[in-house]
PDB file of all heavy atoms in Angstrom:
ATOM      1  N   ILE A   1       7.311 -34.989  -9.988  1.00  0.00           N
ATOM      2  CA  ILE A   1       8.306 -34.826  -9.015  1.00  0.00           C
ATOM      3  C   ILE A   1       8.723 -33.269  -9.100  1.00  0.00           C
ATOM      4  O   ILE A   1       8.966 -32.682  -8.033  1.00  0.00           O
ATOM      5  CB  ILE A   1       9.551 -35.706  -9.288  1.00  0.00           C
ATOM      6  CG1 ILE A   1       9.141 -37.144  -9.027  1.00  0.00           C
ATOM      7  CG2 ILE A   1      10.732 -35.215  -8.463  1.00  0.00           C
ATOM      8  CD1 ILE A   1      10.237 -38.166  -9.390  1.00  0.00           C
ATOM      9  N   GLU A   2       8.899 -32.725 -10.279  1.00  0.00           N
ATOM     10  CA  GLU A   2       9.284 -31.399 -10.377  1.00  0.00           C
ATOM     11  C   GLU A   2       8.268 -30.428  -9.911  1.00  0.00           C
ATOM     12  O   GLU A   2       8.533 -29.424  -9.366  1.00  0.00           O
ATOM     13  CB  GLU A   2       9.583 -31.070 -11.932  1.00  0.00           C
ATOM     14  CG  GLU A   2      10.874 -31.609 -12.447  1.00  0.00           C
ATOM     15  CD  GLU A   2      12.068 -31.180 -11.712  1.00  0.00           C
ATOM     16  OE1 GLU A   2      12.061 -29.980 -11.240  1.00  0.00           O
ATOM     17  OE2 GLU A   2      13.046 -31.872 -11.548  1.00  0.00           O
ATOM     18  N   ILE A   3       6.961 -30.804 -10.111  1.00  0.00           N
ATOM     19  CA  ILE A   3       5.906 -29.948  -9.543  1.00  0.00           C
ATOM     20  C   ILE A   3       6.002 -29.909  -8.058  1.00  0.00           C
ATOM     21  O   ILE A   3       5.797 -28.836  -7.453  1.00  0.00           O
ATOM     22  CB  ILE A   3       4.511 -30.510  -9.995  1.00  0.00           C
ATOM     23  CG1 ILE A   3       4.275 -30.294 -11.517  1.00  0.00           C
ATOM     24  CG2 ILE A   3       3.417 -29.870  -9.226  1.00  0.00           C
ATOM     25  CD1 ILE A   3       3.059 -30.892 -12.096  1.00  0.00           C
ATOM     26  N   ALA A   4       6.235 -30.982  -7.408  1.00  0.00           N
ATOM     27  CA  ALA A   4       6.358 -30.957  -5.957  1.00  0.00           C
ATOM     28  C   ALA A   4       7.591 -30.263  -5.501  1.00  0.00           C
ATOM     29  O   ALA A   4       7.683 -29.653  -4.440  1.00  0.00           O
ATOM     30  CB  ALA A   4       6.415 -32.438  -5.452  1.00  0.00           C
ATOM     31  N   ARG A   5       8.634 -30.199  -6.267  1.00  0.00           N
ATOM     32  CA  ARG A   5       9.927 -29.555  -5.928  1.00  0.00           C
ATOM     33  C   ARG A   5       9.907 -28.036  -6.101  1.00  0.00           C
ATOM     34  O   ARG A   5      10.639 -27.308  -5.503  1.00  0.00           O
ATOM     35  CB  ARG A   5      11.043 -30.233  -6.725  1.00  0.00           C
ATOM     36  CG  ARG A   5      12.413 -29.636  -6.439  1.00  0.00           C
ATOM     37  CD  ARG A   5      13.492 -30.269  -7.373  1.00  0.00           C
ATOM     38  NE  ARG A   5      14.681 -29.680  -7.150  1.00  0.00           N
ATOM     39  CZ  ARG A   5      15.779 -29.866  -7.926  1.00  0.00           C
ATOM     40  NH1 ARG A   5      15.676 -30.695  -9.006  1.00  0.00           N
ATOM     41  NH2 ARG A   5      16.922 -29.279  -7.731  1.00  0.00           N
ATOM     42  N   ALA A   6       9.064 -27.632  -7.074  1.00  0.00           N
ATOM     43  CA  ALA A   6       9.045 -26.191  -7.514  1.00  0.00           C
ATOM     44  C   ALA A   6       8.692 -25.190  -6.440  1.00  0.00           C
ATOM     45  O   ALA A   6       7.812 -25.484  -5.479  1.00  0.00           O
ATOM     46  CB  ALA A   6       8.167 -26.047  -8.644  1.00  0.00           C
ATOM     47  N   ASP A   7       9.308 -24.059  -6.405  1.00  0.00           N
ATOM     48  CA  ASP A   7       8.840 -22.952  -5.566  1.00  0.00           C
ATOM     49  C   ASP A   7       7.583 -22.338  -6.014  1.00  0.00           C
ATOM     50  O   ASP A   7       6.808 -21.845  -5.157  1.00  0.00           O
ATOM     51  CB  ASP A   7       9.966 -21.832  -5.439  1.00  0.00           C
ATOM     52  CG  ASP A   7      11.239 -22.385  -4.923  1.00  0.00           C
ATOM     53  OD1 ASP A   7      11.268 -22.986  -3.877  1.00  0.00           O
ATOM     54  OD2 ASP A   7      12.263 -22.236  -5.595  1.00  0.00           O
ATOM     55  N   LEU A   8       7.328 -22.370  -7.322  1.00  0.00           N
ATOM     56  CA  LEU A   8       6.065 -21.898  -7.906  1.00  0.00           C
ATOM     57  C   LEU A   8       5.711 -22.629  -9.178  1.00  0.00           C
ATOM     58  O   LEU A   8       6.683 -23.041  -9.898  1.00  0.00           O
ATOM     59  CB  LEU A   8       6.181 -20.447  -8.202  1.00  0.00           C
ATOM     60  CG  LEU A   8       4.906 -19.679  -8.944  1.00  0.00           C
ATOM     61  CD1 LEU A   8       3.794 -19.664  -7.972  1.00  0.00           C
ATOM     62  CD2 LEU A   8       5.354 -18.315  -9.396  1.00  0.00           C
ATOM     63  N   VAL A   9       4.471 -22.947  -9.324  1.00  0.00           N
ATOM     64  CA  VAL A   9       4.000 -23.570 -10.547  1.00  0.00           C
ATOM     65  C   VAL A   9       3.074 -22.707 -11.346  1.00  0.00           C
ATOM     66  O   VAL A   9       2.131 -22.078 -10.767  1.00  0.00           O
ATOM     67  CB  VAL A   9       3.241 -24.899 -10.216  1.00  0.00           C
ATOM     68  CG1 VAL A   9       2.657 -25.520 -11.518  1.00  0.00           C
ATOM     69  CG2 VAL A   9       4.119 -25.874  -9.468  1.00  0.00           C
ATOM     70  N   LEU A  10       3.519 -22.540 -12.617  1.00  0.00           N
ATOM     71  CA  LEU A  10       2.552 -21.838 -13.599  1.00  0.00           C
ATOM     72  C   LEU A  10       1.697 -22.901 -14.198  1.00  0.00           C
ATOM     73  O   LEU A  10       2.186 -23.753 -14.960  1.00  0.00           O
ATOM     74  CB  LEU A  10       3.422 -21.120 -14.619  1.00  0.00           C
ATOM     75  CG  LEU A  10       4.436 -20.027 -14.151  1.00  0.00           C
ATOM     76  CD1 LEU A  10       5.114 -19.293 -15.284  1.00  0.00           C
ATOM     77  CD2 LEU A  10       3.753 -19.047 -13.137  1.00  0.00           C
ATOM     78  N   TRP A  11       0.350 -22.875 -13.940  1.00  0.00           N
ATOM     79  CA  TRP A  11      -0.508 -23.934 -14.353  1.00  0.00           C
ATOM     80  C   TRP A  11      -1.177 -23.510 -15.679  1.00  0.00           C
ATOM     81  O   TRP A  11      -1.994 -22.512 -15.663  1.00  0.00           O
ATOM     82  CB  TRP A  11      -1.529 -24.265 -13.307  1.00  0.00           C
ATOM     83  CG  TRP A  11      -2.487 -25.332 -13.778  1.00  0.00           C
ATOM     84  CD1 TRP A  11      -3.846 -25.185 -13.967  1.00  0.00           C
ATOM     85  CD2 TRP A  11      -2.233 -26.659 -13.907  1.00  0.00           C
ATOM     86  NE1 TRP A  11      -4.410 -26.251 -14.305  1.00  0.00           N
ATOM     87  CE2 TRP A  11      -3.480 -27.340 -14.325  1.00  0.00           C
ATOM     88  CE3 TRP A  11      -1.104 -27.440 -13.920  1.00  0.00           C
ATOM     89  CZ2 TRP A  11      -3.578 -28.652 -14.601  1.00  0.00           C
ATOM     90  CZ3 TRP A  11      -1.214 -28.862 -14.212  1.00  0.00           C
ATOM     91  CH2 TRP A  11      -2.416 -29.362 -14.594  1.00  0.00           C
ATOM     92  N   LEU A  12      -0.941 -24.314 -16.734  1.00  0.00           N
ATOM     93  CA  LEU A  12      -1.470 -23.848 -18.063  1.00  0.00           C
ATOM     94  C   LEU A  12      -2.564 -24.820 -18.460  1.00  0.00           C
ATOM     95  O   LEU A  12      -3.140 -24.831 -19.547  1.00  0.00           O
ATOM     96  CB  LEU A  12      -0.450 -23.951 -19.172  1.00  0.00           C
ATOM     97  CG  LEU A  12       0.490 -22.755 -19.255  1.00  0.00           C
ATOM     98  CD1 LEU A  12       1.317 -22.496 -18.019  1.00  0.00           C
ATOM     99  CD2 LEU A  12       1.394 -22.904 -20.540  1.00  0.00           C
ATOM    100  N   GLY A  13      -3.046 -25.748 -17.482  1.00  0.00           N
ATOM    101  CA  GLY A  13      -4.143 -26.627 -17.734  1.00  0.00           C
ATOM    102  C   GLY A  13      -5.480 -26.165 -17.360  1.00  0.00           C
ATOM    103  O   GLY A  13      -5.664 -24.932 -17.017  1.00  0.00           O
ATOM    104  N   PRO A  14      -6.461 -26.929 -17.370  1.00  0.00           N
ATOM    105  CA  PRO A  14      -7.896 -26.584 -16.992  1.00  0.00           C
ATOM    106  C   PRO A  14      -7.818 -25.899 -15.657  1.00  0.00           C
ATOM    107  O   PRO A  14      -7.258 -26.291 -14.681  1.00  0.00           O
ATOM    108  CB  PRO A  14      -8.642 -27.851 -16.973  1.00  0.00           C
ATOM    109  CG  PRO A  14      -7.901 -28.815 -17.843  1.00  0.00           C
ATOM    110  CD  PRO A  14      -6.483 -28.461 -17.740  1.00  0.00           C
ATOM    111  N   GLU A  15      -8.695 -24.855 -15.530  1.00  0.00           N
ATOM    112  CA  GLU A  15      -8.806 -24.014 -14.355  1.00  0.00           C
ATOM    113  C   GLU A  15      -9.140 -24.844 -13.098  1.00  0.00           C
ATOM    114  O   GLU A  15     -10.155 -25.609 -13.265  1.00  0.00           O
ATOM    115  CB  GLU A  15      -9.723 -22.813 -14.558  1.00  0.00           C
ATOM    116  CG  GLU A  15      -9.644 -21.739 -13.565  1.00  0.00           C
ATOM    117  CD  GLU A  15     -10.371 -20.503 -13.974  1.00  0.00           C
ATOM    118  OE1 GLU A  15     -11.021 -20.520 -15.016  1.00  0.00           O
ATOM    119  OE2 GLU A  15     -10.226 -19.492 -13.251  1.00  0.00           O
ATOM    120  N   GLY A  16      -8.430 -24.655 -12.055  1.00  0.00           N
ATOM    121  CA  GLY A  16      -8.763 -25.335 -10.778  1.00  0.00           C
ATOM    122  C   GLY A  16      -8.208 -26.732 -10.691  1.00  0.00           C
ATOM    123  O   GLY A  16      -8.346 -27.335  -9.649  1.00  0.00           O
ATOM    124  N   GLU A  17      -7.616 -27.260 -11.716  1.00  0.00           N
ATOM    125  CA  GLU A  17      -6.969 -28.543 -11.665  1.00  0.00           C
ATOM    126  C   GLU A  17      -5.502 -28.722 -11.357  1.00  0.00           C
ATOM    127  O   GLU A  17      -4.946 -29.793 -11.235  1.00  0.00           O
ATOM    128  CB  GLU A  17      -7.281 -29.385 -12.934  1.00  0.00           C
ATOM    129  CG  GLU A  17      -8.764 -29.590 -13.220  1.00  0.00           C
ATOM    130  CD  GLU A  17      -9.008 -30.368 -14.499  1.00  0.00           C
ATOM    131  OE1 GLU A  17      -7.984 -30.950 -15.037  1.00  0.00           O
ATOM    132  OE2 GLU A  17     -10.143 -30.404 -15.008  1.00  0.00           O
ATOM    133  N   GLY A  18      -4.939 -27.513 -11.103  1.00  0.00           N
ATOM    134  CA  GLY A  18      -3.465 -27.475 -10.870  1.00  0.00           C
ATOM    135  C   GLY A  18      -3.164 -27.680  -9.410  1.00  0.00           C
ATOM    136  O   GLY A  18      -4.121 -27.731  -8.558  1.00  0.00           O
ATOM    137  N   PRO A  19      -1.910 -27.817  -9.071  1.00  0.00           N
ATOM    138  CA  PRO A  19      -1.548 -28.038  -7.637  1.00  0.00           C
ATOM    139  C   PRO A  19      -1.894 -26.721  -6.785  1.00  0.00           C
ATOM    140  O   PRO A  19      -2.059 -25.627  -7.288  1.00  0.00           O
ATOM    141  CB  PRO A  19      -0.058 -28.285  -7.668  1.00  0.00           C
ATOM    142  CG  PRO A  19       0.345 -27.533  -9.007  1.00  0.00           C
ATOM    143  CD  PRO A  19      -0.793 -27.791  -9.957  1.00  0.00           C
ATOM    144  N   ALA A  20      -2.011 -26.904  -5.466  1.00  0.00           N
ATOM    145  CA  ALA A  20      -2.291 -25.792  -4.597  1.00  0.00           C
ATOM    146  C   ALA A  20      -1.255 -24.735  -4.677  1.00  0.00           C
ATOM    147  O   ALA A  20      -0.056 -25.047  -4.675  1.00  0.00           O
ATOM    148  CB  ALA A  20      -2.409 -26.284  -3.174  1.00  0.00           C
ATOM    149  N   GLY A  21      -1.667 -23.532  -4.771  1.00  0.00           N
ATOM    150  CA  GLY A  21      -0.801 -22.413  -4.764  1.00  0.00           C
ATOM    151  C   GLY A  21      -0.265 -22.032  -6.187  1.00  0.00           C
ATOM    152  O   GLY A  21       0.490 -21.128  -6.371  1.00  0.00           O
ATOM    153  N   ALA A  22      -0.635 -22.882  -7.259  1.00  0.00           N
ATOM    154  CA  ALA A  22      -0.162 -22.610  -8.568  1.00  0.00           C
ATOM    155  C   ALA A  22      -0.829 -21.303  -9.125  1.00  0.00           C
ATOM    156  O   ALA A  22      -2.003 -20.902  -8.696  1.00  0.00           O
ATOM    157  CB  ALA A  22      -0.573 -23.750  -9.431  1.00  0.00           C
ATOM    158  N   TRP A  23      -0.093 -20.634 -10.043  1.00  0.00           N
ATOM    159  CA  TRP A  23      -0.671 -19.500 -10.729  1.00  0.00           C
ATOM    160  C   TRP A  23      -1.482 -19.987 -11.944  1.00  0.00           C
ATOM    161  O   TRP A  23      -0.929 -20.711 -12.745  1.00  0.00           O
ATOM    162  CB  TRP A  23       0.392 -18.564 -11.150  1.00  0.00           C
ATOM    163  CG  TRP A  23       0.960 -17.723 -10.103  1.00  0.00           C
ATOM    164  CD1 TRP A  23       0.774 -17.830  -8.751  1.00  0.00           C
ATOM    165  CD2 TRP A  23       1.890 -16.618 -10.226  1.00  0.00           C
ATOM    166  NE1 TRP A  23       1.437 -16.987  -8.044  1.00  0.00           N
ATOM    167  CE2 TRP A  23       2.160 -16.245  -8.941  1.00  0.00           C
ATOM    168  CE3 TRP A  23       2.453 -15.954 -11.254  1.00  0.00           C
ATOM    169  CZ2 TRP A  23       3.034 -14.987  -8.751  1.00  0.00           C
ATOM    170  CZ3 TRP A  23       3.211 -14.811 -11.115  1.00  0.00           C
ATOM    171  CH2 TRP A  23       3.498 -14.369  -9.789  1.00  0.00           C
ATOM    172  N   GLU A  24      -2.691 -19.579 -12.108  1.00  0.00           N
ATOM    173  CA  GLU A  24      -3.509 -19.849 -13.229  1.00  0.00           C
ATOM    174  C   GLU A  24      -3.055 -18.963 -14.353  1.00  0.00           C
ATOM    175  O   GLU A  24      -3.101 -17.790 -14.333  1.00  0.00           O
ATOM    176  CB  GLU A  24      -5.010 -19.693 -12.932  1.00  0.00           C
ATOM    177  CG  GLU A  24      -5.517 -20.627 -11.876  1.00  0.00           C
ATOM    178  CD  GLU A  24      -5.787 -22.023 -12.481  1.00  0.00           C
ATOM    179  OE1 GLU A  24      -5.633 -22.215 -13.766  1.00  0.00           O
ATOM    180  OE2 GLU A  24      -6.257 -22.971 -11.755  1.00  0.00           O
ATOM    181  N   ILE A  25      -2.549 -19.632 -15.511  1.00  0.00           N
ATOM    182  CA  ILE A  25      -2.106 -18.909 -16.612  1.00  0.00           C
ATOM    183  C   ILE A  25      -2.915 -19.305 -17.861  1.00  0.00           C
ATOM    184  O   ILE A  25      -2.975 -20.508 -18.137  1.00  0.00           O
ATOM    185  CB  ILE A  25      -0.585 -19.195 -16.961  1.00  0.00           C
ATOM    186  CG1 ILE A  25       0.291 -18.836 -15.723  1.00  0.00           C
ATOM    187  CG2 ILE A  25      -0.171 -18.400 -18.166  1.00  0.00           C
ATOM    188  CD1 ILE A  25       0.195 -17.365 -15.358  1.00  0.00           C
ATOM    189  N   GLU A  26      -3.463 -18.390 -18.484  1.00  0.00           N
ATOM    190  CA  GLU A  26      -4.248 -18.616 -19.781  1.00  0.00           C
ATOM    191  C   GLU A  26      -3.196 -18.374 -20.869  1.00  0.00           C
ATOM    192  O   GLU A  26      -2.966 -17.120 -21.302  1.00  0.00           O
ATOM    193  CB  GLU A  26      -5.525 -17.844 -19.966  1.00  0.00           C
ATOM    194  CG  GLU A  26      -6.236 -18.183 -21.203  1.00  0.00           C
ATOM    195  CD  GLU A  26      -7.463 -17.436 -21.383  1.00  0.00           C
ATOM    196  OE1 GLU A  26      -8.275 -17.332 -20.379  1.00  0.00           O
ATOM    197  OE2 GLU A  26      -7.737 -16.802 -22.506  1.00  0.00           O
ATOM    198  N   ALA A  27      -2.626 -19.408 -21.469  1.00  0.00           N
ATOM    199  CA  ALA A  27      -1.598 -19.202 -22.483  1.00  0.00           C
ATOM    200  C   ALA A  27      -2.177 -19.199 -23.865  1.00  0.00           C
ATOM    201  O   ALA A  27      -3.336 -19.396 -24.044  1.00  0.00           O
ATOM    202  CB  ALA A  27      -0.613 -20.333 -22.432  1.00  0.00           C
ATOM    203  N   GLN A  28      -1.389 -18.839 -24.884  1.00  0.00           N
ATOM    204  CA  GLN A  28      -1.737 -18.815 -26.184  1.00  0.00           C
ATOM    205  C   GLN A  28      -2.944 -17.984 -26.381  1.00  0.00           C
ATOM    206  O   GLN A  28      -3.928 -18.273 -27.188  1.00  0.00           O
ATOM    207  CB  GLN A  28      -2.077 -20.295 -26.734  1.00  0.00           C
ATOM    208  CG  GLN A  28      -0.921 -21.250 -26.532  1.00  0.00           C
ATOM    209  CD  GLN A  28      -1.251 -22.667 -26.894  1.00  0.00           C
ATOM    210  OE1 GLN A  28      -2.423 -23.074 -26.554  1.00  0.00           O
ATOM    211  NE2 GLN A  28      -0.236 -23.399 -27.467  1.00  0.00           N
ATOM    212  N   CYS A  29      -3.029 -16.786 -25.753  1.00  0.00           N
ATOM    213  CA  CYS A  29      -4.262 -15.950 -25.853  1.00  0.00           C
ATOM    214  C   CYS A  29      -4.426 -15.391 -27.154  1.00  0.00           C
ATOM    215  O   CYS A  29      -5.435 -14.695 -27.522  1.00  0.00           O
ATOM    216  CB  CYS A  29      -4.216 -14.827 -24.672  1.00  0.00           C
ATOM    217  SG  CYS A  29      -2.999 -13.646 -24.926  1.00  0.00           S
ATOM    218  N   ASP A  30      -3.323 -15.588 -28.087  1.00  0.00           N
ATOM    219  CA  ASP A  30      -3.546 -15.092 -29.453  1.00  0.00           C
ATOM    220  C   ASP A  30      -4.298 -16.068 -30.419  1.00  0.00           C
ATOM    221  O   ASP A  30      -4.649 -15.692 -31.543  1.00  0.00           O
ATOM    222  CB  ASP A  30      -2.170 -14.770 -30.079  1.00  0.00           C
ATOM    223  CG  ASP A  30      -1.287 -16.004 -30.094  1.00  0.00           C
ATOM    224  OD1 ASP A  30      -1.045 -16.630 -28.887  1.00  0.00           O
ATOM    225  OD2 ASP A  30      -0.883 -16.571 -31.087  1.00  0.00           O
ATOM    226  N   ARG A  31      -4.587 -17.262 -29.842  1.00  0.00           N
ATOM    227  CA  ARG A  31      -5.230 -18.298 -30.619  1.00  0.00           C
ATOM    228  C   ARG A  31      -6.771 -18.409 -30.221  1.00  0.00           C
ATOM    229  O   ARG A  31      -7.116 -18.419 -29.008  1.00  0.00           O
ATOM    230  CB  ARG A  31      -4.542 -19.671 -30.426  1.00  0.00           C
ATOM    231  CG  ARG A  31      -3.183 -19.696 -30.882  1.00  0.00           C
ATOM    232  CD  ARG A  31      -2.520 -20.994 -30.525  1.00  0.00           C
ATOM    233  NE  ARG A  31      -3.239 -22.064 -31.116  1.00  0.00           N
ATOM    234  CZ  ARG A  31      -2.852 -23.344 -30.895  1.00  0.00           C
ATOM    235  NH1 ARG A  31      -1.885 -23.635 -30.091  1.00  0.00           N
ATOM    236  NH2 ARG A  31      -3.599 -24.385 -31.495  1.00  0.00           N
ATOM    237  N   ALA A  32      -7.550 -18.474 -31.213  1.00  0.00           N
ATOM    238  CA  ALA A  32      -9.167 -18.615 -30.961  1.00  0.00           C
ATOM    239  C   ALA A  32      -9.352 -19.853 -30.272  1.00  0.00           C
ATOM    240  O   ALA A  32     -10.346 -19.987 -29.434  1.00  0.00           O
ATOM    241  CB  ALA A  32      -9.818 -18.416 -32.305  1.00  0.00           C
ATOM    242  N   GLU A  33      -8.730 -20.953 -30.628  1.00  0.00           N
ATOM    243  CA  GLU A  33      -9.050 -22.276 -30.026  1.00  0.00           C
ATOM    244  C   GLU A  33      -8.296 -22.607 -28.759  1.00  0.00           C
ATOM    245  O   GLU A  33      -8.253 -23.834 -28.378  1.00  0.00           O
ATOM    246  CB  GLU A  33      -8.761 -23.349 -31.154  1.00  0.00           C
ATOM    247  CG  GLU A  33      -7.219 -23.657 -31.437  1.00  0.00           C
ATOM    248  CD  GLU A  33      -6.670 -22.664 -32.468  1.00  0.00           C
ATOM    249  OE1 GLU A  33      -7.414 -21.561 -32.703  1.00  0.00           O
ATOM    250  OE2 GLU A  33      -5.620 -22.807 -33.034  1.00  0.00           O
ATOM    251  N   ARG A  34      -7.833 -21.605 -28.077  1.00  0.00           N
ATOM    252  CA  ARG A  34      -7.184 -21.844 -26.843  1.00  0.00           C
ATOM    253  C   ARG A  34      -7.958 -22.327 -25.643  1.00  0.00           C
ATOM    254  O   ARG A  34      -9.232 -22.201 -25.778  1.00  0.00           O
ATOM    255  CB  ARG A  34      -6.420 -20.537 -26.400  1.00  0.00           C
ATOM    256  CG  ARG A  34      -7.441 -19.482 -25.886  1.00  0.00           C
ATOM    257  CD  ARG A  34      -6.696 -18.161 -25.562  1.00  0.00           C
ATOM    258  NE  ARG A  34      -7.665 -17.217 -25.014  1.00  0.00           N
ATOM    259  CZ  ARG A  34      -8.299 -16.332 -25.809  1.00  0.00           C
ATOM    260  NH1 ARG A  34      -8.223 -16.381 -27.125  1.00  0.00           N
ATOM    261  NH2 ARG A  34      -9.136 -15.447 -25.240  1.00  0.00           N
ATOM    262  N   LEU A  35      -7.412 -22.833 -24.580  1.00  0.00           N
ATOM    263  CA  LEU A  35      -8.208 -23.160 -23.431  1.00  0.00           C
ATOM    264  C   LEU A  35      -8.353 -21.927 -22.628  1.00  0.00           C
ATOM    265  O   LEU A  35      -7.442 -21.271 -22.150  1.00  0.00           O
ATOM    266  CB  LEU A  35      -7.279 -24.131 -22.578  1.00  0.00           C
ATOM    267  CG  LEU A  35      -7.849 -24.665 -21.164  1.00  0.00           C
ATOM    268  CD1 LEU A  35      -9.192 -25.299 -21.384  1.00  0.00           C
ATOM    269  CD2 LEU A  35      -6.851 -25.401 -20.406  1.00  0.00           C
ATOM    270  N   THR A  36      -9.567 -21.447 -22.466  1.00  0.00           N
ATOM    271  CA  THR A  36      -9.880 -20.292 -21.809  1.00  0.00           C
ATOM    272  C   THR A  36     -10.091 -20.523 -20.309  1.00  0.00           C
ATOM    273  O   THR A  36     -10.401 -21.592 -19.853  1.00  0.00           O
ATOM    274  CB  THR A  36     -11.159 -19.600 -22.362  1.00  0.00           C
ATOM    275  OG1 THR A  36     -12.234 -20.476 -22.293  1.00  0.00           O
ATOM    276  CG2 THR A  36     -10.941 -19.183 -23.784  1.00  0.00           C
ATOM    277  N   LYS A  37      -9.900 -19.423 -19.469  1.00  0.00           N
ATOM    278  CA  LYS A  37     -10.095 -19.522 -18.064  1.00  0.00           C
ATOM    279  C   LYS A  37     -10.929 -18.278 -17.572  1.00  0.00           C
ATOM    280  O   LYS A  37     -10.774 -17.224 -18.216  1.00  0.00           O
ATOM    281  CB  LYS A  37      -8.755 -19.560 -17.282  1.00  0.00           C
ATOM    282  CG  LYS A  37      -7.931 -20.779 -17.676  1.00  0.00           C
ATOM    283  CD  LYS A  37      -6.655 -20.823 -16.824  1.00  0.00           C
ATOM    284  CE  LYS A  37      -5.859 -22.109 -17.106  1.00  0.00           C
ATOM    285  NZ  LYS A  37      -4.685 -22.306 -16.201  1.00  0.00           N
ATOM    286  N   ARG A  38     -11.680 -18.499 -16.607  1.00  0.00           N
ATOM    287  CA  ARG A  38     -12.586 -17.361 -16.044  1.00  0.00           C
ATOM    288  C   ARG A  38     -11.743 -16.402 -15.293  1.00  0.00           C
ATOM    289  O   ARG A  38     -11.898 -15.083 -15.638  1.00  0.00           O
ATOM    290  CB  ARG A  38     -13.644 -17.873 -15.063  1.00  0.00           C
ATOM    291  CG  ARG A  38     -14.600 -18.833 -15.762  1.00  0.00           C
ATOM    292  CD  ARG A  38     -15.793 -19.135 -14.856  1.00  0.00           C
ATOM    293  NE  ARG A  38     -15.273 -19.735 -13.552  1.00  0.00           N
ATOM    294  CZ  ARG A  38     -15.105 -21.017 -13.453  1.00  0.00           C
ATOM    295  NH1 ARG A  38     -15.338 -21.805 -14.456  1.00  0.00           N
ATOM    296  NH2 ARG A  38     -14.643 -21.518 -12.256  1.00  0.00           N
ATOM    297  N   GLU A  39     -10.818 -16.731 -14.410  1.00  0.00           N
ATOM    298  CA  GLU A  39     -10.018 -15.824 -13.659  1.00  0.00           C
ATOM    299  C   GLU A  39      -8.523 -16.116 -13.558  1.00  0.00           C
ATOM    300  O   GLU A  39      -8.017 -16.490 -12.527  1.00  0.00           O
ATOM    301  CB  GLU A  39     -10.569 -15.719 -12.236  1.00  0.00           C
ATOM    302  CG  GLU A  39     -12.093 -15.250 -12.107  1.00  0.00           C
ATOM    303  CD  GLU A  39     -12.593 -15.217 -10.714  1.00  0.00           C
ATOM    304  OE1 GLU A  39     -11.853 -15.735  -9.815  1.00  0.00           O
ATOM    305  OE2 GLU A  39     -13.727 -14.727 -10.506  1.00  0.00           O
ATOM    306  N   PRO A  40      -7.933 -16.172 -14.719  1.00  0.00           N
ATOM    307  CA  PRO A  40      -6.517 -16.452 -14.693  1.00  0.00           C
ATOM    308  C   PRO A  40      -5.768 -15.205 -14.056  1.00  0.00           C
ATOM    309  O   PRO A  40      -6.182 -14.037 -14.158  1.00  0.00           O
ATOM    310  CB  PRO A  40      -6.121 -16.558 -16.255  1.00  0.00           C
ATOM    311  CG  PRO A  40      -7.059 -15.651 -16.908  1.00  0.00           C
ATOM    312  CD  PRO A  40      -8.392 -15.812 -16.158  1.00  0.00           C
ATOM    313  N   ILE A  41      -4.538 -15.526 -13.549  1.00  0.00           N
ATOM    314  CA  ILE A  41      -3.726 -14.345 -12.998  1.00  0.00           C
ATOM    315  C   ILE A  41      -3.152 -13.573 -14.254  1.00  0.00           C
ATOM    316  O   ILE A  41      -3.001 -12.406 -14.225  1.00  0.00           O
ATOM    317  CB  ILE A  41      -2.565 -14.901 -12.176  1.00  0.00           C
ATOM    318  CG1 ILE A  41      -3.177 -15.561 -10.894  1.00  0.00           C
ATOM    319  CG2 ILE A  41      -1.578 -13.881 -11.768  1.00  0.00           C
ATOM    320  CD1 ILE A  41      -2.142 -16.203  -9.958  1.00  0.00           C
ATOM    321  N   PHE A  42      -2.799 -14.313 -15.324  1.00  0.00           N
ATOM    322  CA  PHE A  42      -2.362 -13.681 -16.548  1.00  0.00           C
ATOM    323  C   PHE A  42      -2.890 -14.387 -17.746  1.00  0.00           C
ATOM    324  O   PHE A  42      -3.055 -15.629 -17.749  1.00  0.00           O
ATOM    325  CB  PHE A  42      -0.775 -13.670 -16.559  1.00  0.00           C
ATOM    326  CG  PHE A  42      -0.165 -12.695 -15.612  1.00  0.00           C
ATOM    327  CD1 PHE A  42       0.345 -13.070 -14.415  1.00  0.00           C
ATOM    328  CD2 PHE A  42      -0.130 -11.359 -16.032  1.00  0.00           C
ATOM    329  CE1 PHE A  42       0.965 -12.184 -13.590  1.00  0.00           C
ATOM    330  CE2 PHE A  42       0.514 -10.374 -15.106  1.00  0.00           C
ATOM    331  CZ  PHE A  42       0.982 -10.826 -13.953  1.00  0.00           C
ATOM    332  N   ARG A  43      -3.244 -13.594 -18.769  1.00  0.00           N
ATOM    333  CA  ARG A  43      -3.474 -14.158 -20.066  1.00  0.00           C
ATOM    334  C   ARG A  43      -2.296 -13.719 -20.938  1.00  0.00           C
ATOM    335  O   ARG A  43      -2.012 -12.464 -21.078  1.00  0.00           O
ATOM    336  CB  ARG A  43      -4.757 -13.583 -20.687  1.00  0.00           C
ATOM    337  CG  ARG A  43      -6.018 -14.093 -20.022  1.00  0.00           C
ATOM    338  CD  ARG A  43      -7.242 -13.605 -20.695  1.00  0.00           C
ATOM    339  NE  ARG A  43      -8.501 -14.300 -20.228  1.00  0.00           N
ATOM    340  CZ  ARG A  43      -9.217 -13.779 -19.200  1.00  0.00           C
ATOM    341  NH1 ARG A  43      -8.867 -12.656 -18.651  1.00  0.00           N
ATOM    342  NH2 ARG A  43     -10.291 -14.464 -18.803  1.00  0.00           N
TER     343      ARG A  43
END
């Protein structure tokens, strides 16, 4: 419900699986075992 209500979603999940218009964020970039993304807007 909150995802649908939001003006913007920061998507920290697998690349391409977030809602339309979400920003792809590669979080925890200081960790070697993080979920990596090919073209995130921000690491």
